[in-house]
Amino acid sequence: MPENVNKLAWRCRRGTKELDVLMQKFLNNFYVSAPSELQQAFERMLDMQDPELYDLLIGRQPSSDKAINKVIEYIYR
């Protein structure tokens, strides 16, 4: 696994197990082959606070960033 992916795996460790699992799913299954736009969106998601990220992932609040919404679609495939 490339070094940056290992660093991202560490950043996927969140305050709740549910967020850990969802973020790891994208990283493990889609990140390496995803277009750079989605890779960057995923990295922006990792910069979010847990409550904001949780709201996005459960669909409580869609993002104004279309690429982030696309990452969320990948997570739920």
Protein backbone atom coordinates (compact mmCIF):
# COMPACT_ATOMS: atom_id res chain seq x y z
CA MET A 1 0.00 0.00 0.00
CA PRO A 2 1.42 3.44 -0.87
CA GLU A 3 2.67 5.44 2.09
CA ASN A 4 0.02 8.15 1.69
CA VAL A 5 -2.70 5.48 1.89
CA ASN A 6 -1.24 4.27 5.18
CA LYS A 7 -1.40 7.84 6.51
CA LEU A 8 -4.98 8.15 5.31
CA ALA A 9 -5.84 4.87 7.05
CA TRP A 10 -4.63 6.39 10.30
CA ARG A 11 -6.73 9.52 9.66
CA CYS A 12 -9.80 7.31 9.12
CA ARG A 13 -9.71 6.43 12.80
CA ARG A 14 -12.55 8.52 14.16
CA GLY A 15 -14.37 8.95 17.46
CA THR A 16 -16.99 6.35 16.61
CA LYS A 17 -16.73 2.87 15.18
CA GLU A 18 -19.42 3.61 12.56
CA LEU A 19 -17.38 6.45 11.08
CA ASP A 20 -14.23 4.31 11.17
CA VAL A 21 -15.96 1.56 9.20
CA LEU A 22 -17.51 3.86 6.58
CA MET A 23 -14.35 5.86 5.93
CA GLN A 24 -12.20 2.72 5.80
CA LYS A 25 -14.63 1.21 3.29
CA PHE A 26 -13.95 3.98 0.76
CA LEU A 27 -10.22 3.92 1.44
CA ASN A 28 -9.91 0.15 1.09
CA ASN A 29 -12.28 -0.39 -1.82
CA PHE A 30 -12.18 2.73 -3.98
CA TYR A 31 -9.53 5.29 -3.06
CA VAL A 32 -6.56 4.01 -5.09
CA SER A 33 -8.57 3.66 -8.31
CA ALA A 34 -10.77 6.72 -7.79
CA PRO A 35 -10.26 9.86 -9.89
CA SER A 36 -8.10 12.49 -8.19
CA GLU A 37 -11.18 14.69 -7.70
CA LEU A 38 -12.73 12.01 -5.47
CA GLN A 39 -9.45 11.30 -3.70
CA GLN A 40 -9.18 14.99 -2.82
CA ALA A 41 -12.82 15.08 -1.71
CA PHE A 42 -12.19 12.10 0.57
CA GLU A 43 -9.20 13.85 2.08
CA ARG A 44 -11.34 16.95 2.69
CA MET A 45 -13.84 14.71 4.46
CA LEU A 46 -11.07 13.49 6.75
CA ASP A 47 -10.51 17.12 7.79
CA MET A 48 -14.12 17.46 8.98
CA GLN A 49 -15.21 17.20 12.58
CA ASP A 50 -17.00 13.97 13.47
CA PRO A 51 -20.51 15.48 13.95
CA GLU A 52 -20.39 17.17 10.54
CA LEU A 53 -19.07 14.02 8.87
CA TYR A 54 -21.71 11.90 10.59
CA ASP A 55 -24.51 14.19 9.36
CA LEU A 56 -23.22 13.86 5.80
CA LEU A 57 -22.87 10.10 5.95
CA ILE A 58 -26.35 9.45 7.36
CA GLY A 59 -27.91 11.80 4.83
CA ARG A 60 -29.08 14.35 7.38
CA GLN A 61 -27.34 17.08 5.45
CA PRO A 62 -25.99 16.84 1.88
CA SER A 63 -22.73 18.58 1.11
CA SER A 64 -22.55 21.57 -1.19
CA ASP A 65 -19.45 19.83 -2.59
CA LYS A 66 -20.60 17.48 -5.36
CA ALA A 67 -17.41 15.43 -5.16
CA ILE A 68 -18.00 14.72 -1.46
CA ASN A 69 -21.53 13.59 -2.27
CA LYS A 70 -20.04 11.25 -4.89
CA VAL A 71 -17.65 9.77 -2.30
CA ILE A 72 -20.65 9.11 -0.06
CA GLU A 73 -22.37 7.32 -2.97
CA TYR A 74 -19.30 5.09 -3.31
CA ILE A 75 -19.32 4.33 0.40
CA TYR A 76 -22.88 3.03 0.19
CA ARG A 77 -22.34 0.85 -2.89
